[in-house]
Amino acid sequence: LGQQSTRPQPQESKNTTTTTTRRALVSQVVLSKKQKATMTTTKKPTALTAVPESWCTRVFYFEGWLCLLSGLFMLVFPSLSLETMGVAASTASGGVAAGNLRQFATMVILMGYVGVRAPVVKEVIEAALLADFLWMGAYAHMIQEHGAWTPGSIFSIGVTALLALTRISFLLFFINDKKSPKRSA
């Protein structure tokens, strides 16, 4: 009376349903990956921006190595580094100045590591540009108060000014093209 049919379901419809479900899931995964890829990719460089982008990226990479090397030099030879930067020898040989420069050297090494290893993104370039302006102002003030303009100090200001101009050009060319991923809180 209330017995259920014991007839087996046709195997074809079960396989067809499973196959259709699998295809739908695979389509969703593929679509999801494509959406993620389009959200994180940037526009391809045009003829107008390809050369400046390549040049800027190379400059930032070179800056990373320059920071690594100069940071190591400041860490190992702080008094010589201060004299090269234009600080008077009597001030440069003091323990506090050398200690402060060693602390600064660790930050320079960190920035060098970021320059060599991290991808070039808008937010990093903006932060580095701000640091360029702050550093040039502080450096010029230090030279006026405690030292003299030497070839080493002029080189330092010149390189920093060149890097600031490179960062500005990078931001002007690519501010709309380079969409950096948003940080999650």
C-alpha atoms as a PDB file:
ATOM      1  CA  LEU A   1       0.000   0.000   0.000  1.00  0.00           C
ATOM      2  CA  GLY A   2       2.303   2.814   1.024  1.00  0.00           C
ATOM      3  CA  GLN A   3       5.330   1.231  -0.516  1.00  0.00           C
ATOM      4  CA  GLN A   4       7.732   3.315  -2.431  1.00  0.00           C
ATOM      5  CA  SER A   5       8.800   2.334  -5.849  1.00  0.00           C
ATOM      6  CA  THR A   6      12.048   0.478  -5.820  1.00  0.00           C
ATOM      7  CA  ARG A   7      12.681   1.245  -9.416  1.00  0.00           C
ATOM      8  CA  PRO A   8      16.214   2.521  -9.861  1.00  0.00           C
ATOM      9  CA  GLN A   9      16.574   5.982 -11.307  1.00  0.00           C
ATOM     10  CA  PRO A  10      18.049   6.055 -14.757  1.00  0.00           C
ATOM     11  CA  GLN A  11      21.804   6.464 -14.502  1.00  0.00           C
ATOM     12  CA  GLU A  12      21.974   8.909 -17.415  1.00  0.00           C
ATOM     13  CA  SER A  13      19.923  11.624 -15.743  1.00  0.00           C
ATOM     14  CA  LYS A  14      21.971  11.389 -12.546  1.00  0.00           C
ATOM     15  CA  ASN A  15      25.242  11.679 -14.477  1.00  0.00           C
ATOM     16  CA  THR A  16      23.859  14.510 -16.574  1.00  0.00           C
ATOM     17  CA  THR A  17      22.795  16.401 -13.454  1.00  0.00           C
ATOM     18  CA  THR A  18      26.191  15.866 -11.808  1.00  0.00           C
ATOM     19  CA  THR A  19      28.027  16.935 -14.942  1.00  0.00           C
ATOM     20  CA  THR A  20      25.869  20.043 -15.292  1.00  0.00           C
ATOM     21  CA  THR A  21      26.470  20.958 -11.653  1.00  0.00           C
ATOM     22  CA  ARG A  22      30.215  20.492 -12.048  1.00  0.00           C
ATOM     23  CA  ARG A  23      30.253  22.662 -15.176  1.00  0.00           C
ATOM     24  CA  ALA A  24      28.322  25.381 -13.382  1.00  0.00           C
ATOM     25  CA  LEU A  25      30.755  25.332 -10.456  1.00  0.00           C
ATOM     26  CA  VAL A  26      33.774  25.390 -12.752  1.00  0.00           C
ATOM     27  CA  SER A  27      32.239  28.313 -14.676  1.00  0.00           C
ATOM     28  CA  GLN A  28      31.736  30.223 -11.433  1.00  0.00           C
ATOM     29  CA  VAL A  29      35.323  29.592 -10.332  1.00  0.00           C
ATOM     30  CA  VAL A  30      36.695  30.642 -13.725  1.00  0.00           C
ATOM     31  CA  LEU A  31      34.498  33.733 -13.745  1.00  0.00           C
ATOM     32  CA  SER A  32      35.574  34.564 -10.204  1.00  0.00           C
ATOM     33  CA  LYS A  33      39.241  34.266 -11.169  1.00  0.00           C
ATOM     34  CA  LYS A  34      38.700  36.455 -14.224  1.00  0.00           C
ATOM     35  CA  GLN A  35      36.975  39.086 -12.104  1.00  0.00           C
ATOM     36  CA  LYS A  36      39.832  39.072  -9.600  1.00  0.00           C
ATOM     37  CA  ALA A  37      42.377  39.313 -12.406  1.00  0.00           C
ATOM     38  CA  THR A  38      40.628  42.283 -13.987  1.00  0.00           C
ATOM     39  CA  MET A  39      40.289  44.010 -10.629  1.00  0.00           C
ATOM     40  CA  THR A  40      44.005  43.754  -9.819  1.00  0.00           C
ATOM     41  CA  THR A  41      45.536  44.255 -13.237  1.00  0.00           C
ATOM     42  CA  THR A  42      46.368  47.626 -14.666  1.00  0.00           C
ATOM     43  CA  LYS A  43      46.034  49.008 -18.118  1.00  0.00           C
ATOM     44  CA  LYS A  44      48.704  47.997 -20.563  1.00  0.00           C
ATOM     45  CA  PRO A  45      51.191  50.773 -21.139  1.00  0.00           C
ATOM     46  CA  THR A  46      50.568  52.852 -24.217  1.00  0.00           C
ATOM     47  CA  ALA A  47      53.314  54.064 -26.523  1.00  0.00           C
ATOM     48  CA  LEU A  48      53.305  57.356 -24.593  1.00  0.00           C
ATOM     49  CA  THR A  49      53.746  55.740 -21.166  1.00  0.00           C
ATOM     50  CA  ALA A  50      55.783  52.579 -21.869  1.00  0.00           C
ATOM     51  CA  VAL A  51      59.199  54.288 -21.950  1.00  0.00           C
ATOM     52  CA  PRO A  52      58.694  56.511 -18.874  1.00  0.00           C
ATOM     53  CA  GLU A  53      57.241  53.605 -16.891  1.00  0.00           C
ATOM     54  CA  SER A  54      60.189  51.380 -17.735  1.00  0.00           C
ATOM     55  CA  TRP A  55      62.658  54.154 -16.963  1.00  0.00           C
ATOM     56  CA  CYS A  56      61.013  55.030 -13.631  1.00  0.00           C
ATOM     57  CA  THR A  57      60.918  51.406 -12.553  1.00  0.00           C
ATOM     58  CA  ARG A  58      64.620  51.011 -13.344  1.00  0.00           C
ATOM     59  CA  VAL A  59      65.460  54.181 -11.413  1.00  0.00           C
ATOM     60  CA  PHE A  60      63.560  52.911  -8.356  1.00  0.00           C
ATOM     61  CA  TYR A  61      65.345  49.562  -8.560  1.00  0.00           C
ATOM     62  CA  PHE A  62      68.731  51.305  -8.839  1.00  0.00           C
ATOM     63  CA  GLU A  63      67.765  53.481  -5.867  1.00  0.00           C
ATOM     64  CA  GLY A  64      67.121  50.335  -3.839  1.00  0.00           C
ATOM     65  CA  TRP A  65      70.641  49.083  -4.437  1.00  0.00           C
ATOM     66  CA  LEU A  66      72.092  52.531  -3.767  1.00  0.00           C
ATOM     67  CA  CYS A  67      70.226  52.647  -0.435  1.00  0.00           C
ATOM     68  CA  LEU A  68      71.407  49.169   0.525  1.00  0.00           C
ATOM     69  CA  LEU A  69      75.041  50.023  -0.191  1.00  0.00           C
ATOM     70  CA  SER A  70      75.012  53.494   1.354  1.00  0.00           C
ATOM     71  CA  GLY A  71      73.123  52.203   4.400  1.00  0.00           C
ATOM     72  CA  LEU A  72      75.761  49.523   4.949  1.00  0.00           C
ATOM     73  CA  PHE A  73      78.508  52.139   4.517  1.00  0.00           C
ATOM     74  CA  MET A  74      76.857  54.427   7.105  1.00  0.00           C
ATOM     75  CA  LEU A  75      76.395  51.502   9.479  1.00  0.00           C
ATOM     76  CA  VAL A  76      80.039  50.401   9.291  1.00  0.00           C
ATOM     77  CA  PHE A  77      81.779  53.793   8.844  1.00  0.00           C
ATOM     78  CA  PRO A  78      79.542  56.418  10.474  1.00  0.00           C
ATOM     79  CA  SER A  79      82.219  59.085  11.110  1.00  0.00           C
ATOM     80  CA  LEU A  80      83.554  58.876   7.551  1.00  0.00           C
ATOM     81  CA  SER A  81      79.990  59.001   6.243  1.00  0.00           C
ATOM     82  CA  LEU A  82      79.240  62.160   8.238  1.00  0.00           C
ATOM     83  CA  GLU A  83      82.408  63.847   6.976  1.00  0.00           C
ATOM     84  CA  THR A  84      81.498  62.876   3.401  1.00  0.00           C
ATOM     85  CA  MET A  85      78.070  64.430   3.950  1.00  0.00           C
ATOM     86  CA  GLY A  86      79.666  67.720   4.928  1.00  0.00           C
ATOM     87  CA  VAL A  87      79.516  67.522   8.714  1.00  0.00           C
ATOM     88  CA  ALA A  88      82.544  69.028  10.455  1.00  0.00           C
ATOM     89  CA  ALA A  89      85.110  66.428  11.559  1.00  0.00           C
ATOM     90  CA  SER A  90      84.845  67.508  15.205  1.00  0.00           C
ATOM     91  CA  THR A  91      81.080  66.855  15.166  1.00  0.00           C
ATOM     92  CA  ALA A  92      81.375  63.704  13.053  1.00  0.00           C
ATOM     93  CA  SER A  93      83.787  62.012  15.446  1.00  0.00           C
ATOM     94  CA  GLY A  94      81.378  62.327  18.393  1.00  0.00           C
ATOM     95  CA  GLY A  95      79.702  59.177  19.651  1.00  0.00           C
ATOM     96  CA  VAL A  96      76.151  60.574  19.591  1.00  0.00           C
ATOM     97  CA  ALA A  97      76.349  61.673  15.955  1.00  0.00           C
ATOM     98  CA  ALA A  98      77.788  58.317  14.893  1.00  0.00           C
ATOM     99  CA  GLY A  99      75.130  56.457  16.891  1.00  0.00           C
ATOM    100  CA  ASN A 100      72.333  58.510  15.351  1.00  0.00           C
ATOM    101  CA  LEU A 101      73.703  57.893  11.888  1.00  0.00           C
ATOM    102  CA  ARG A 102      73.840  54.148  12.545  1.00  0.00           C
ATOM    103  CA  GLN A 103      70.160  54.242  13.514  1.00  0.00           C
ATOM    104  CA  PHE A 104      69.389  56.184  10.340  1.00  0.00           C
ATOM    105  CA  ALA A 105      71.426  53.630   8.358  1.00  0.00           C
ATOM    106  CA  THR A 106      69.108  50.824   9.454  1.00  0.00           C
ATOM    107  CA  MET A 107      66.152  52.725   7.988  1.00  0.00           C
ATOM    108  CA  VAL A 108      68.088  53.370   4.776  1.00  0.00           C
ATOM    109  CA  ILE A 109      68.834  49.645   4.504  1.00  0.00           C
ATOM    110  CA  LEU A 110      65.141  48.911   5.025  1.00  0.00           C
ATOM    111  CA  MET A 111      64.205  51.355   2.254  1.00  0.00           C
ATOM    112  CA  GLY A 112      66.809  49.736   0.027  1.00  0.00           C
ATOM    113  CA  TYR A 113      65.272  46.340   0.641  1.00  0.00           C
ATOM    114  CA  VAL A 114      61.827  47.726  -0.217  1.00  0.00           C
ATOM    115  CA  GLY A 115      63.254  49.289  -3.384  1.00  0.00           C
ATOM    116  CA  VAL A 116      64.838  46.055  -4.552  1.00  0.00           C
ATOM    117  CA  ARG A 117      62.132  43.589  -3.508  1.00  0.00           C
ATOM    118  CA  ALA A 118      58.730  45.318  -3.417  1.00  0.00           C
ATOM    119  CA  PRO A 119      56.627  46.071  -6.494  1.00  0.00           C
ATOM    120  CA  VAL A 120      56.398  49.691  -7.566  1.00  0.00           C
ATOM    121  CA  VAL A 121      52.972  50.918  -6.454  1.00  0.00           C
ATOM    122  CA  LYS A 122      51.522  54.380  -6.158  1.00  0.00           C
ATOM    123  CA  GLU A 123      51.325  54.436  -2.358  1.00  0.00           C
ATOM    124  CA  VAL A 124      54.994  53.521  -1.905  1.00  0.00           C
ATOM    125  CA  ILE A 125      56.057  56.167  -4.418  1.00  0.00           C
ATOM    126  CA  GLU A 126      53.914  58.805  -2.665  1.00  0.00           C
ATOM    127  CA  ALA A 127      55.480  57.946   0.698  1.00  0.00           C
ATOM    128  CA  ALA A 128      58.979  58.066  -0.776  1.00  0.00           C
ATOM    129  CA  LEU A 129      58.256  61.458  -2.379  1.00  0.00           C
ATOM    130  CA  LEU A 130      57.141  62.855   0.966  1.00  0.00           C
ATOM    131  CA  ALA A 131      60.315  61.445   2.544  1.00  0.00           C
ATOM    132  CA  ASP A 132      62.429  63.074  -0.200  1.00  0.00           C
ATOM    133  CA  PHE A 133      61.082  66.533   0.592  1.00  0.00           C
ATOM    134  CA  LEU A 134      61.388  66.056   4.351  1.00  0.00           C
ATOM    135  CA  TRP A 135      64.927  64.686   4.020  1.00  0.00           C
ATOM    136  CA  MET A 136      66.126  67.500   1.735  1.00  0.00           C
ATOM    137  CA  GLY A 137      64.785  70.118   4.160  1.00  0.00           C
ATOM    138  CA  ALA A 138      66.338  68.449   7.198  1.00  0.00           C
ATOM    139  CA  TYR A 139      69.626  67.856   5.386  1.00  0.00           C
ATOM    140  CA  ALA A 140      69.939  71.447   4.182  1.00  0.00           C
ATOM    141  CA  HIS A 141      69.225  72.674   7.720  1.00  0.00           C
ATOM    142  CA  MET A 142      71.878  70.311   9.156  1.00  0.00           C
ATOM    143  CA  ILE A 143      74.489  71.505   6.671  1.00  0.00           C
ATOM    144  CA  GLN A 144      73.770  75.168   7.454  1.00  0.00           C
ATOM    145  CA  GLU A 145      73.969  74.551  11.211  1.00  0.00           C
ATOM    146  CA  HIS A 146      76.815  72.028  11.508  1.00  0.00           C
ATOM    147  CA  GLY A 147      78.771  71.641   8.318  1.00  0.00           C
ATOM    148  CA  ALA A 148      79.643  72.831   4.854  1.00  0.00           C
ATOM    149  CA  TRP A 149      78.567  72.026   1.343  1.00  0.00           C
ATOM    150  CA  THR A 150      80.975  69.418   0.019  1.00  0.00           C
ATOM    151  CA  PRO A 151      80.919  67.321  -3.140  1.00  0.00           C
ATOM    152  CA  GLY A 152      79.380  64.505  -1.080  1.00  0.00           C
ATOM    153  CA  SER A 153      76.603  66.693   0.321  1.00  0.00           C
ATOM    154  CA  ILE A 154      75.854  68.211  -3.082  1.00  0.00           C
ATOM    155  CA  PHE A 155      75.715  64.690  -4.559  1.00  0.00           C
ATOM    156  CA  SER A 156      73.274  63.594  -1.835  1.00  0.00           C
ATOM    157  CA  ILE A 157      70.939  66.533  -2.423  1.00  0.00           C
ATOM    158  CA  GLY A 158      71.237  66.137  -6.215  1.00  0.00           C
ATOM    159  CA  VAL A 159      70.406  62.422  -6.175  1.00  0.00           C
ATOM    160  CA  THR A 160      67.457  63.007  -3.856  1.00  0.00           C
ATOM    161  CA  ALA A 161      66.155  65.832  -6.075  1.00  0.00           C
ATOM    162  CA  LEU A 162      66.477  63.569  -9.153  1.00  0.00           C
ATOM    163  CA  LEU A 163      64.598  60.798  -7.353  1.00  0.00           C
ATOM    164  CA  ALA A 164      61.876  63.259  -6.310  1.00  0.00           C
ATOM    165  CA  LEU A 165      61.478  64.397  -9.936  1.00  0.00           C
ATOM    166  CA  THR A 166      61.318  60.771 -11.070  1.00  0.00           C
ATOM    167  CA  ARG A 167      58.633  60.039  -8.474  1.00  0.00           C
ATOM    168  CA  ILE A 168      56.635  63.095  -9.533  1.00  0.00           C
ATOM    169  CA  SER A 169      56.796  62.068 -13.198  1.00  0.00           C
ATOM    170  CA  PHE A 170      55.804  58.511 -12.289  1.00  0.00           C
ATOM    171  CA  LEU A 171      52.793  59.751 -10.328  1.00  0.00           C
ATOM    172  CA  LEU A 172      51.754  62.186 -13.071  1.00  0.00           C
ATOM    173  CA  PHE A 173      51.992  59.553 -15.814  1.00  0.00           C
ATOM    174  CA  PHE A 174      50.473  56.679 -13.919  1.00  0.00           C
ATOM    175  CA  ILE A 175      48.172  58.077 -11.250  1.00  0.00           C
ATOM    176  CA  ASN A 176      45.100  56.934 -13.207  1.00  0.00           C
ATOM    177  CA  ASP A 177      46.632  53.775 -14.636  1.00  0.00           C
ATOM    178  CA  LYS A 178      48.077  52.188 -11.513  1.00  0.00           C
ATOM    179  CA  LYS A 179      45.259  51.055  -9.277  1.00  0.00           C
ATOM    180  CA  SER A 180      46.828  49.628  -6.161  1.00  0.00           C
ATOM    181  CA  PRO A 181      44.932  46.976  -4.253  1.00  0.00           C
ATOM    182  CA  LYS A 182      43.071  48.309  -1.220  1.00  0.00           C
ATOM    183  CA  ARG A 183      44.298  47.256   2.193  1.00  0.00           C
ATOM    184  CA  SER A 184      41.891  45.387   4.385  1.00  0.00           C
ATOM    185  CA  ALA A 185      41.611  46.714   7.914  1.00  0.00           C
END
